[in-house]
Amino acid sequence: TAIEEYSAQGRGGKGILTIQYDRRRGTLVGALIVDDDTELYAITSGGGVIRTAARQVRKAGRQTKGVRLMNLGEGDTLIAIARNAEAGDSTDEVEDDPDATEVEES
């Protein structure tokens, strides 16, 4: 769901519904704020890990039951989701600055 669809809650607010809970589907493992370039990891109790781009995950409305990231084996549960920590702001390109001083490593 786009972040713009969430309104700010004032004092005395009763919260905002994000997902419809259903006992058959289990509990919410996690929720992340991402953009299309973010890489996501899903980790299972059996040690399985998948990596996928956020743009490949189907967008759903706020009052839906969520999105399936992976099929689980018998007895497996999804235990965590996470963003790729290495693919952050550190990879941004720096614009050329004509007044910058070049530094060489020694």
C-alpha atoms as a PDB file:
ATOM      1  CA  THR A   1       0.000   0.000   0.000  1.00  0.00           C
ATOM      2  CA  ALA A   2       1.345   3.453  -0.836  1.00  0.00           C
ATOM      3  CA  ILE A   3       2.413   5.418   2.261  1.00  0.00           C
ATOM      4  CA  GLU A   4       0.248   8.321   1.081  1.00  0.00           C
ATOM      5  CA  GLU A   5      -2.851   6.218   1.845  1.00  0.00           C
ATOM      6  CA  TYR A   6      -2.078   6.391   5.578  1.00  0.00           C
ATOM      7  CA  SER A   7      -3.344   9.531   7.289  1.00  0.00           C
ATOM      8  CA  ALA A   8      -1.655  10.937  10.380  1.00  0.00           C
ATOM      9  CA  GLN A   9      -3.418   9.994  13.600  1.00  0.00           C
ATOM     10  CA  GLY A  10      -4.212  12.716  16.066  1.00  0.00           C
ATOM     11  CA  ARG A  11      -4.621  12.492  19.790  1.00  0.00           C
ATOM     12  CA  GLY A  12      -7.410  10.105  20.659  1.00  0.00           C
ATOM     13  CA  GLY A  13      -7.113   8.321  17.310  1.00  0.00           C
ATOM     14  CA  LYS A  14      -8.044   4.659  17.270  1.00  0.00           C
ATOM     15  CA  GLY A  15      -5.359   3.542  14.854  1.00  0.00           C
ATOM     16  CA  ILE A  16      -5.328   2.601  11.196  1.00  0.00           C
ATOM     17  CA  LEU A  17      -6.183  -0.838   9.824  1.00  0.00           C
ATOM     18  CA  THR A  18      -3.311  -2.192   7.752  1.00  0.00           C
ATOM     19  CA  ILE A  19      -4.162  -5.851   7.245  1.00  0.00           C
ATOM     20  CA  GLN A  20      -7.133  -8.139   7.835  1.00  0.00           C
ATOM     21  CA  TYR A  21      -6.087 -10.797  10.345  1.00  0.00           C
ATOM     22  CA  ASP A  22      -7.152 -14.341   9.522  1.00  0.00           C
ATOM     23  CA  ARG A  23      -6.303 -17.270  11.845  1.00  0.00           C
ATOM     24  CA  ARG A  24      -5.903 -19.640   8.905  1.00  0.00           C
ATOM     25  CA  ARG A  25      -3.118 -17.489   7.464  1.00  0.00           C
ATOM     26  CA  GLY A  26      -1.286 -16.912  10.751  1.00  0.00           C
ATOM     27  CA  THR A  27       0.216 -13.783  12.223  1.00  0.00           C
ATOM     28  CA  LEU A  28       1.788 -10.839  10.449  1.00  0.00           C
ATOM     29  CA  VAL A  29       5.530 -11.523  10.182  1.00  0.00           C
ATOM     30  CA  GLY A  30       6.483  -7.940   9.395  1.00  0.00           C
ATOM     31  CA  ALA A  31       5.830  -4.788   7.452  1.00  0.00           C
ATOM     32  CA  LEU A  32       8.415  -2.584   5.767  1.00  0.00           C
ATOM     33  CA  ILE A  33       8.432   0.797   4.053  1.00  0.00           C
ATOM     34  CA  VAL A  34      10.231   0.274   0.742  1.00  0.00           C
ATOM     35  CA  ASP A  35      10.615   1.755  -2.711  1.00  0.00           C
ATOM     36  CA  ASP A  36      10.797  -0.146  -6.004  1.00  0.00           C
ATOM     37  CA  ASP A  37      14.603  -0.455  -5.853  1.00  0.00           C
ATOM     38  CA  THR A  38      14.681  -2.099  -2.415  1.00  0.00           C
ATOM     39  CA  GLU A  39      15.739  -5.749  -2.154  1.00  0.00           C
ATOM     40  CA  LEU A  40      13.819  -7.913   0.319  1.00  0.00           C
ATOM     41  CA  TYR A  41      14.785 -11.113   2.117  1.00  0.00           C
ATOM     42  CA  ALA A  42      12.350 -13.699   3.497  1.00  0.00           C
ATOM     43  CA  ILE A  43      13.714 -16.260   5.965  1.00  0.00           C
ATOM     44  CA  THR A  44      12.026 -19.529   6.978  1.00  0.00           C
ATOM     45  CA  SER A  45      12.294 -21.642  10.122  1.00  0.00           C
ATOM     46  CA  GLY A  46      13.951 -24.372   8.034  1.00  0.00           C
ATOM     47  CA  GLY A  47      16.782 -22.040   7.015  1.00  0.00           C
ATOM     48  CA  GLY A  48      15.445 -21.170   3.567  1.00  0.00           C
ATOM     49  CA  VAL A  49      16.085 -17.657   2.273  1.00  0.00           C
ATOM     50  CA  ILE A  50      14.777 -15.875  -0.803  1.00  0.00           C
ATOM     51  CA  ARG A  51      15.832 -12.502  -2.149  1.00  0.00           C
ATOM     52  CA  THR A  52      13.498 -10.473  -4.332  1.00  0.00           C
ATOM     53  CA  ALA A  53      13.090  -6.900  -5.517  1.00  0.00           C
ATOM     54  CA  ALA A  54      10.230  -4.949  -3.949  1.00  0.00           C
ATOM     55  CA  ARG A  55       8.950  -4.107  -7.446  1.00  0.00           C
ATOM     56  CA  GLN A  56       8.223  -7.827  -7.964  1.00  0.00           C
ATOM     57  CA  VAL A  57       5.886  -7.996  -4.949  1.00  0.00           C
ATOM     58  CA  ARG A  58       2.256  -7.407  -5.872  1.00  0.00           C
ATOM     59  CA  LYS A  59       0.810  -4.221  -4.381  1.00  0.00           C
ATOM     60  CA  ALA A  60      -2.313  -4.714  -2.293  1.00  0.00           C
ATOM     61  CA  GLY A  61      -4.785  -2.425  -0.598  1.00  0.00           C
ATOM     62  CA  ARG A  62      -4.775  -1.714   3.123  1.00  0.00           C
ATOM     63  CA  GLN A  63      -7.675  -3.963   4.028  1.00  0.00           C
ATOM     64  CA  THR A  64      -6.428  -7.095   2.304  1.00  0.00           C
ATOM     65  CA  LYS A  65      -4.953 -10.275   3.722  1.00  0.00           C
ATOM     66  CA  GLY A  66      -1.401  -9.634   2.548  1.00  0.00           C
ATOM     67  CA  VAL A  67       0.813 -10.988  -0.207  1.00  0.00           C
ATOM     68  CA  ARG A  68       2.498 -14.393  -0.464  1.00  0.00           C
ATOM     69  CA  LEU A  69       6.265 -14.020  -0.823  1.00  0.00           C
ATOM     70  CA  MET A  70       7.146 -17.711  -0.972  1.00  0.00           C
ATOM     71  CA  ASN A  71       5.673 -21.205  -0.743  1.00  0.00           C
ATOM     72  CA  LEU A  72       6.585 -22.982   2.480  1.00  0.00           C
ATOM     73  CA  GLY A  73       7.445 -26.634   2.992  1.00  0.00           C
ATOM     74  CA  GLU A  74       5.615 -28.911   5.427  1.00  0.00           C
ATOM     75  CA  GLY A  75       6.154 -27.595   8.968  1.00  0.00           C
ATOM     76  CA  ASP A  76       8.063 -24.505   7.779  1.00  0.00           C
ATOM     77  CA  THR A  77       7.051 -21.031   8.906  1.00  0.00           C
ATOM     78  CA  LEU A  78       8.165 -17.619   7.737  1.00  0.00           C
ATOM     79  CA  ILE A  79      10.114 -16.136  10.646  1.00  0.00           C
ATOM     80  CA  ALA A  80      11.464 -12.849   9.298  1.00  0.00           C
ATOM     81  CA  ILE A  81      11.503 -10.367   6.449  1.00  0.00           C
ATOM     82  CA  ALA A  82      14.194  -7.741   6.001  1.00  0.00           C
ATOM     83  CA  ARG A  83      15.557  -5.107   3.631  1.00  0.00           C
ATOM     84  CA  ASN A  84      19.006  -5.480   2.090  1.00  0.00           C
ATOM     85  CA  ALA A  85      21.163  -3.328   4.375  1.00  0.00           C
ATOM     86  CA  GLU A  86      23.991  -3.074   1.830  1.00  0.00           C
ATOM     87  CA  ALA A  87      21.853  -1.600  -0.953  1.00  0.00           C
ATOM     88  CA  GLY A  88      21.219   1.723   0.767  1.00  0.00           C
ATOM     89  CA  ASP A  89      22.366   5.309   0.435  1.00  0.00           C
ATOM     90  CA  SER A  90      26.039   4.282   0.300  1.00  0.00           C
ATOM     91  CA  THR A  91      25.671   3.323  -3.373  1.00  0.00           C
ATOM     92  CA  ASP A  92      24.417   6.745  -4.468  1.00  0.00           C
ATOM     93  CA  GLU A  93      26.587   8.455  -7.039  1.00  0.00           C
ATOM     94  CA  VAL A  94      28.244  11.746  -6.147  1.00  0.00           C
ATOM     95  CA  GLU A  95      27.968  14.556  -8.676  1.00  0.00           C
ATOM     96  CA  ASP A  96      31.207  15.977 -10.058  1.00  0.00           C
ATOM     97  CA  ASP A  97      32.202  19.113  -8.151  1.00  0.00           C
ATOM     98  CA  PRO A  98      34.717  21.314 -10.015  1.00  0.00           C
ATOM     99  CA  ASP A  99      35.961  22.749  -6.683  1.00  0.00           C
ATOM    100  CA  ALA A 100      36.507  19.347  -5.064  1.00  0.00           C
ATOM    101  CA  THR A 101      40.004  18.247  -4.095  1.00  0.00           C
ATOM    102  CA  GLU A 102      41.131  14.848  -5.315  1.00  0.00           C
ATOM    103  CA  VAL A 103      42.415  12.601  -2.547  1.00  0.00           C
ATOM    104  CA  GLU A 104      44.658   9.614  -3.187  1.00  0.00           C
ATOM    105  CA  GLU A 105      45.007   6.720  -0.780  1.00  0.00           C
ATOM    106  CA  SER A 106      48.585   5.967   0.308  1.00  0.00           C
END
